[in-house]
Protein backbone atom coordinates (compact mmCIF):
# COMPACT_ATOMS: atom_id res chain seq x y z
CA MET A 1 0.39 2.05 -28.04
CA ASN A 2 3.90 2.03 -26.94
CA ILE A 3 3.61 -1.02 -24.18
CA GLU A 4 6.82 -1.39 -22.10
CA PRO A 5 7.20 -3.58 -18.76
CA LEU A 6 7.56 -1.06 -16.06
CA ASP A 7 7.62 -4.07 -12.99
CA SER A 8 5.55 -7.16 -11.89
CA GLY A 9 4.41 -8.90 -8.71
CA ALA A 10 3.79 -12.08 -7.69
CA CYS A 11 -0.37 -12.16 -9.31
CA SER A 12 0.54 -9.79 -12.23
CA GLU A 13 2.69 -7.26 -14.24
CA ILE A 14 2.55 -3.59 -14.38
CA LEU A 15 3.26 -2.00 -17.88
CA SER A 16 3.42 1.42 -19.43
CA ALA A 17 1.07 2.90 -22.37
CA THR A 18 -0.32 5.33 -24.03
CA TRP A 19 -3.66 6.31 -24.53
CA THR A 20 -4.38 6.32 -28.25
CA LYS A 21 -8.12 5.46 -28.87
CA GLY A 22 -11.25 3.53 -27.45
CA LEU A 23 -14.33 3.65 -26.02
CA THR A 24 -14.94 4.89 -22.04
CA TYR A 25 -17.50 3.67 -19.31
CA ASP A 26 -18.39 4.81 -16.30
CA PHE A 27 -17.89 1.68 -14.08
CA ARG A 28 -19.09 2.15 -10.66
CA ASP A 29 -21.81 0.01 -10.93
CA ASN A 30 -18.95 -2.87 -11.52
CA GLN A 31 -21.29 -4.03 -14.78
CA PHE A 32 -17.99 -4.30 -17.17
CA ALA A 33 -16.33 -6.24 -14.41
CA ARG A 34 -16.92 -9.65 -16.13
CA LYS A 35 -13.81 -11.46 -14.98
CA LYS A 36 -13.98 -13.28 -11.18
CA ASP A 37 -9.98 -12.12 -11.49
CA ILE A 38 -10.71 -8.60 -11.54
CA GLU A 39 -13.89 -8.27 -9.82
CA ILE A 40 -13.17 -7.70 -6.18
CA GLU A 41 -10.03 -4.95 -7.28
CA ILE A 42 -12.47 -3.04 -10.24
CA ASN A 43 -15.12 -2.94 -6.77
CA PHE A 44 -13.03 -1.17 -4.68
CA LYS A 45 -10.75 0.91 -6.74
CA ALA A 46 -14.29 2.35 -8.68
CA LYS A 47 -16.26 2.64 -5.16
CA ARG A 48 -13.48 3.76 -2.81
CA ALA A 49 -11.61 5.93 -5.51
CA GLY A 50 -10.06 8.88 -3.23
CA PHE A 51 -9.51 6.31 -0.44
CA GLY A 52 -5.72 6.68 -0.96
CA VAL A 53 -5.33 4.15 -3.63
CA VAL A 54 -3.87 5.22 -6.98
CA PRO A 55 -6.52 6.47 -9.34
CA CYS A 56 -8.26 4.01 -11.82
CA TYR A 57 -9.40 5.14 -15.19
CA GLY A 58 -11.27 1.40 -16.06
CA ILE A 59 -10.32 -1.54 -17.71
CA THR A 60 -8.98 -2.22 -20.89
CA CYS A 61 -8.46 -5.87 -22.61
CA ASN A 62 -5.93 -7.52 -24.96
CA LYS A 63 -5.61 -10.94 -26.57
CA GLU A 64 -3.84 -12.24 -23.14
CA GLY A 65 -7.17 -10.92 -20.80
CA TYR A 66 -8.53 -7.67 -18.83
CA MET A 67 -6.00 -5.08 -17.56
CA LEU A 68 -6.49 -2.31 -15.16
CA VAL A 69 -5.94 1.47 -16.23
CA LEU A 70 -4.24 3.20 -13.69
CA ILE A 71 -2.70 6.41 -13.50
CA ARG A 72 1.29 6.37 -14.13
CA MET A 73 2.92 6.46 -10.53
CA ASP A 74 6.56 6.99 -10.95
CA LYS A 75 8.05 4.00 -9.32
CA ASN A 76 7.36 2.08 -5.98
CA MET A 77 9.18 2.41 -2.68
CA SER A 78 11.71 0.06 -2.67
CA ASN A 79 13.41 1.39 -6.21
CA TYR A 80 12.53 4.77 -4.40
CA LEU A 81 14.92 4.18 -1.43
CA GLU A 82 17.74 2.20 -2.93
CA GLU A 83 18.10 5.51 -5.32
CA ASN A 84 17.78 7.92 -2.49
CA HIS A 85 19.09 5.92 0.99
CA PRO A 86 19.84 7.25 3.13
CA LEU A 87 16.98 9.53 4.01
CA SER A 88 17.15 12.77 6.12
CA ARG A 89 14.93 12.68 8.87
CA GLN A 90 12.16 15.09 6.96
CA GLN A 91 12.29 12.21 4.41
CA ILE A 92 11.43 9.29 6.61
CA ASP A 93 8.43 11.23 8.56
CA ASN A 94 7.11 12.27 4.96
CA ILE A 95 6.83 8.65 3.60
CA LEU A 96 5.61 7.66 7.07
CA TRP A 97 3.32 9.82 7.21
CA SER A 98 2.00 9.57 3.59
CA LEU A 99 2.03 6.07 4.45
CA SER A 100 0.08 5.73 7.31
CA SER A 101 -2.29 7.92 6.22
CA ARG A 102 -3.38 6.39 3.12
CA LEU A 103 -3.79 3.23 5.05
CA CYS A 104 -5.74 4.56 7.71
CA GLN A 105 -7.96 6.32 4.86
CA LEU A 106 -8.44 2.32 3.70
CA HIS A 107 -9.72 1.31 7.24
CA LYS A 108 -11.54 3.95 8.09
CA ALA A 109 -13.54 2.50 4.95
CA ASN A 110 -13.36 -0.68 6.46
CA ILE A 111 -10.82 -2.20 4.43
CA ILE A 112 -8.35 -4.20 5.20
CA HIS A 113 -5.37 -4.14 2.24
CA ASN A 114 -4.18 -7.57 2.78
CA ASP A 115 -0.78 -7.02 0.64
CA LEU A 116 1.07 -4.36 2.27
CA HIS A 117 4.70 -4.35 0.83
CA PRO A 118 7.00 -1.63 -0.14
CA GLY A 119 6.36 -2.93 -3.92
CA ASN A 120 2.70 -1.37 -3.42
CA PHE A 121 3.17 1.97 -2.05
CA MET A 122 3.94 4.32 -5.24
CA ILE A 123 5.30 7.83 -5.70
CA GLY A 124 4.38 9.94 -8.33
CA LYS A 125 5.96 12.97 -9.96
CA GLY A 126 4.46 15.30 -7.71
CA GLY A 127 5.99 13.44 -4.93
CA GLU A 128 2.92 12.21 -3.56
CA TRP A 129 2.45 8.44 -2.30
CA ASN A 130 -0.53 6.11 -2.70
CA LEU A 131 -1.35 2.81 -1.90
CA ILE A 132 -2.04 -0.01 -5.58
CA ASP A 133 -3.28 -3.33 -5.54
CA LEU A 134 -5.98 -3.77 -3.62
CA GLY A 135 -6.37 -7.29 -5.64
CA PHE A 136 -6.43 -9.56 -2.20
CA SER A 137 -8.36 -6.65 -0.28
CA LEU A 138 -11.96 -7.35 1.73
CA THR A 139 -13.99 -5.32 3.94
CA ASN A 140 -13.48 -6.18 7.45
CA ASP A 141 -17.33 -8.28 7.28
CA GLU A 142 -16.09 -10.29 4.38
CA ASN A 143 -12.76 -10.66 6.38
CA ARG A 144 -14.22 -12.42 9.43
CA ARG A 145 -16.71 -14.35 7.36
CA ARG A 146 -13.66 -15.82 5.32
CA HIS A 147 -10.69 -15.90 7.50
CA GLY A 148 -11.95 -15.20 11.31
CA ASP A 149 -9.33 -13.06 12.29
CA LEU A 150 -6.28 -14.47 9.85
CA ASP A 151 -6.04 -11.53 7.86
CA SER A 152 -7.14 -8.20 9.67
CA LYS A 153 -6.72 -4.43 9.90
CA GLU A 154 -4.31 -6.00 12.55
CA SER A 155 -1.78 -7.52 9.89
CA ASP A 156 -1.86 -4.25 7.66
CA ILE A 157 -0.01 -2.77 10.74
CA TYR A 158 2.35 -5.42 11.78
CA THR A 159 2.83 -5.16 7.54
CA PHE A 160 3.29 -1.49 8.34
CA ALA A 161 6.05 -1.89 10.75
CA ALA A 162 8.12 -3.93 8.76
CA MET A 163 7.65 -1.02 6.13
CA MET A 164 8.78 1.83 8.87
CA CYS A 165 11.95 -0.66 9.21
CA GLU A 166 12.81 -0.61 5.83
CA VAL A 167 12.56 3.31 5.65
CA ILE A 168 14.64 4.09 7.73
CA THR A 169 17.46 1.70 7.52
CA GLY A 170 17.42 1.13 4.10
CA CYS A 171 17.21 -2.63 4.68
CA PRO A 172 14.06 -5.45 4.84
CA LEU A 173 13.26 -6.71 8.49
CA LYS A 174 14.77 -9.55 9.11
CA LEU A 175 13.39 -12.49 10.96
CA ASP A 176 14.88 -15.24 13.11
CA ASN A 177 13.94 -19.20 13.05
CA SER A 178 11.27 -18.75 15.05
CA ASP A 179 9.75 -16.31 12.60
CA TYR A 180 9.96 -13.55 14.89
CA PRO A 181 11.27 -9.84 13.83
CA ILE A 182 14.49 -8.73 14.67
CA LEU A 183 15.16 -5.02 14.84
CA PRO A 184 18.37 -3.81 13.52
CA THR A 185 21.05 -1.67 15.44
CA GLY A 186 20.54 2.54 14.47
CA ILE A 187 16.72 3.29 14.56
CA PRO A 188 15.75 6.03 16.85
CA ALA A 189 14.06 4.94 20.30
CA GLU A 190 10.93 6.52 19.53
CA TYR A 191 10.61 5.04 16.05
CA ARG A 192 11.93 1.68 17.96
CA LYS A 193 9.13 1.99 19.89
CA ILE A 194 6.38 2.35 17.46
CA ILE A 195 7.62 -0.37 15.68
CA GLU A 196 7.84 -2.88 18.60
CA MET A 197 4.09 -1.68 18.95
CA CYS A 198 3.09 -2.26 15.51
CA LEU A 199 4.81 -6.02 15.89
CA ASP A 200 3.46 -7.13 18.86
CA PRO A 201 2.40 -10.45 19.09
CA GLU A 202 -0.90 -9.55 19.98
CA PRO A 203 -2.89 -8.23 17.60
CA ASN A 204 -5.28 -6.18 19.73
CA LYS A 205 -2.74 -4.34 21.18
CA ARG A 206 -1.39 -3.01 18.16
CA PRO A 207 -1.69 0.71 17.70
CA LYS A 208 -4.84 2.02 15.22
CA SER A 209 -3.73 3.13 11.67
CA VAL A 210 -5.24 6.76 13.05
CA SER A 211 -2.69 6.68 16.00
CA LEU A 212 0.17 6.77 13.16
CA VAL A 213 -1.24 9.32 11.67
CA CYS A 214 -1.47 11.32 15.13
CA PHE A 215 2.29 10.38 15.55
CA PHE A 216 3.36 11.13 11.94
CA ARG A 217 1.58 14.50 11.68
CA ALA A 218 3.22 15.89 15.22
CA HIS A 219 6.39 15.09 13.48
CA MET A 220 5.49 16.88 10.28
CA GLU A 221 4.33 19.77 11.83
CA GLU A 222 8.19 20.51 13.80
CA TYR A 223 8.89 21.07 9.87
CA SER A 224 6.63 23.80 8.83
């Protein structure tokens, strides 16, 4: 009950609701994921719970189809930046450490997010950041069988750089006429170096997510 729209994306709509009654199931064996359009996401949400993604309680349905039941988050990164920019150095490091940590957790589990952008990174009421929307996610092995190296962990690193740029500047990363990213002025040198490494045209030269975690963890330790 009390169903209200919260947000929408390219492939789905996010609603808020109050859970009043209904049966619950342990669906980790995927036995209740009957619909092809949610089967992959159900599998990842259930079996990879705790890997840096918003907790999923299960599935429900109405006349329009099936829906994932997730813990409610407060706002996505885009909304957060609109309300809070410019950010302090500590706020920037906290967001980027959280993002790199969540991404690293997925990559360690051999999962490619494959749709990383500010709308898919959300903050909860308690200030914790988590990734959402694993509908396009694949394991690294599945990805190679389907797409070769087109979408990979390295492509997640590329989009991490775009999000990093937006956290620091408050503006989305722009591209020139050749689709090459244009970095705005005013980005501190050490951040700029990380962004440029993540945007390297040769994917195998981009840093691993664990290296990004180490970089931002070192920054966070300066505040403790």
